[in-house]
Amino acid sequence: MKKGEKYENLVLEYLKTSGYKILVRNYRCPEGEIDIVAQEGEDLVFVEVKGEKENPYTHPAERFDQRKLSRIIACAYKFMENYGISSAFRIDLITVKGGEIEHFKNVGFMDL
């Protein structure tokens, strides 16, 4: 099992126990990939998972930048187009470091 997959599995369990409904995992489109597509109540949530790397002095969130956010937004619109969804959505970043999960909500959102 790859490290990325291990972190995604931890986050999937976290989301499920937090009341999220998992819709899709590893959604791919020409612009990139979304790790997890979920629903929290009425909210459509696109989740990016970042796990720790070998460098103990950096936080996984430091590898999430505007370029990555732009790719996720483009994929989110493609997902909604493919599934016939027309609603607001948000983008969450969830990091895993030292076995600890940190959930950053609304790192990007779009109102329609």
Protein backbone atom coordinates (compact mmCIF):
# COMPACT_ATOMS: atom_id res chain seq x y z
CA MET A 1 0.00 0.00 0.00
CA LYS A 2 1.35 3.43 -0.97
CA LYS A 3 1.71 6.11 1.71
CA GLY A 4 -0.84 8.32 -0.04
CA GLU A 5 -3.38 5.51 -0.02
CA LYS A 6 -2.70 4.89 3.68
CA TYR A 7 -3.39 8.55 4.49
CA GLU A 8 -6.53 8.56 2.34
CA ASN A 9 -7.83 5.48 4.16
CA LEU A 10 -7.31 7.19 7.53
CA VAL A 11 -9.12 10.29 6.28
CA LEU A 12 -11.98 8.23 4.85
CA GLU A 13 -12.59 6.67 8.25
CA TYR A 14 -12.36 10.08 9.91
CA LEU A 15 -14.90 11.56 7.48
CA LYS A 16 -17.31 8.63 7.90
CA THR A 17 -17.20 8.85 11.70
CA SER A 18 -17.71 12.62 11.38
CA GLY A 19 -20.97 12.06 9.51
CA TYR A 20 -19.82 12.59 5.92
CA LYS A 21 -21.19 10.49 3.10
CA ILE A 22 -18.40 9.40 0.74
CA LEU A 23 -19.47 9.80 -2.89
CA VAL A 24 -16.30 9.12 -4.89
CA ARG A 25 -12.66 8.38 -4.22
CA ASN A 26 -9.80 9.44 -6.51
CA TYR A 27 -11.88 11.26 -9.12
CA ARG A 28 -9.69 11.92 -12.15
CA CYS A 29 -10.14 14.45 -14.91
CA PRO A 30 -7.78 16.02 -17.47
CA GLU A 31 -6.89 18.81 -15.03
CA GLY A 32 -5.88 16.49 -12.19
CA GLU A 33 -7.41 14.47 -9.37
CA ILE A 34 -9.62 14.96 -6.34
CA ASP A 35 -8.79 12.58 -3.51
CA ILE A 36 -12.28 12.36 -2.01
CA VAL A 37 -15.69 13.73 -2.97
CA ALA A 38 -18.08 13.72 -0.03
CA GLN A 39 -21.26 15.22 1.26
CA GLU A 40 -21.74 16.81 4.67
CA GLY A 41 -25.44 17.46 5.11
CA GLU A 42 -26.37 19.50 2.05
CA ASP A 43 -22.77 20.55 1.36
CA LEU A 44 -20.81 19.05 -1.51
CA VAL A 45 -17.20 18.77 -0.33
CA PHE A 46 -14.08 18.12 -2.39
CA VAL A 47 -11.29 16.89 -0.13
CA GLU A 48 -7.54 17.08 -0.69
CA VAL A 49 -5.48 14.77 1.53
CA LYS A 50 -1.86 15.58 2.36
CA GLY A 51 0.27 13.25 4.46
CA GLU A 52 3.62 13.75 6.06
CA LYS A 53 6.81 13.34 4.07
CA GLU A 54 10.29 12.41 5.27
CA ASN A 55 11.10 15.97 6.40
CA PRO A 56 9.89 16.25 10.01
CA TYR A 57 10.24 20.06 9.98
CA THR A 58 7.49 20.78 7.48
CA HIS A 59 3.73 20.50 7.75
CA PRO A 60 1.81 18.68 4.98
CA ALA A 61 -0.37 21.79 4.46
CA GLU A 62 2.72 23.60 3.15
CA ARG A 63 2.47 21.51 -0.03
CA PHE A 64 -1.02 22.85 -0.78
CA ASP A 65 -0.76 25.93 -2.99
CA GLN A 66 -2.79 28.08 -5.39
CA ARG A 67 -1.84 25.87 -8.35
CA LYS A 68 -3.22 22.78 -6.58
CA LEU A 69 -6.35 24.66 -5.55
CA SER A 70 -6.94 25.78 -9.15
CA ARG A 71 -6.66 22.19 -10.38
CA ILE A 72 -9.10 20.96 -7.74
CA ILE A 73 -11.60 23.68 -8.66
CA ALA A 74 -11.34 22.72 -12.36
CA CYS A 75 -11.89 19.05 -11.48
CA ALA A 76 -14.78 19.96 -9.17
CA TYR A 77 -16.57 21.71 -12.04
CA LYS A 78 -15.90 18.73 -14.32
CA PHE A 79 -17.28 16.37 -11.64
CA MET A 80 -20.43 18.48 -11.27
CA GLU A 81 -20.88 18.64 -15.04
CA ASN A 82 -20.49 14.86 -15.38
CA TYR A 83 -22.95 14.13 -12.56
CA GLY A 84 -25.46 16.87 -13.40
CA ILE A 85 -24.92 18.77 -10.16
CA SER A 86 -25.45 22.51 -9.95
CA SER A 87 -24.83 23.70 -6.42
CA ALA A 88 -22.36 25.51 -4.22
CA PHE A 89 -19.42 23.47 -3.02
CA ARG A 90 -16.42 23.78 -0.78
CA ILE A 91 -12.90 22.44 -0.78
CA ASP A 92 -11.37 21.05 2.41
CA LEU A 93 -7.76 20.17 3.12
CA ILE A 94 -7.12 17.33 5.53
CA THR A 95 -3.58 16.61 6.68
CA VAL A 96 -2.09 13.62 8.46
CA LYS A 97 1.12 14.00 10.43
CA GLY A 98 2.34 11.79 13.23
CA GLY A 99 -0.97 9.94 13.17
CA GLU A 100 -2.84 13.20 13.87
CA ILE A 101 -5.56 14.38 11.50
CA GLU A 102 -6.07 18.10 10.99
CA HIS A 103 -9.14 19.30 9.04
CA PHE A 104 -9.05 22.69 7.33
CA LYS A 105 -12.54 23.53 6.07
CA ASN A 106 -13.30 25.97 3.27
CA VAL A 107 -9.79 26.41 1.89
CA GLY A 108 -11.70 27.10 -1.31
CA PHE A 109 -15.42 27.43 -2.00
CA MET A 110 -17.68 28.43 -4.83
CA ASP A 111 -21.21 29.81 -4.66
CA LEU A 112 -23.36 29.36 -7.73
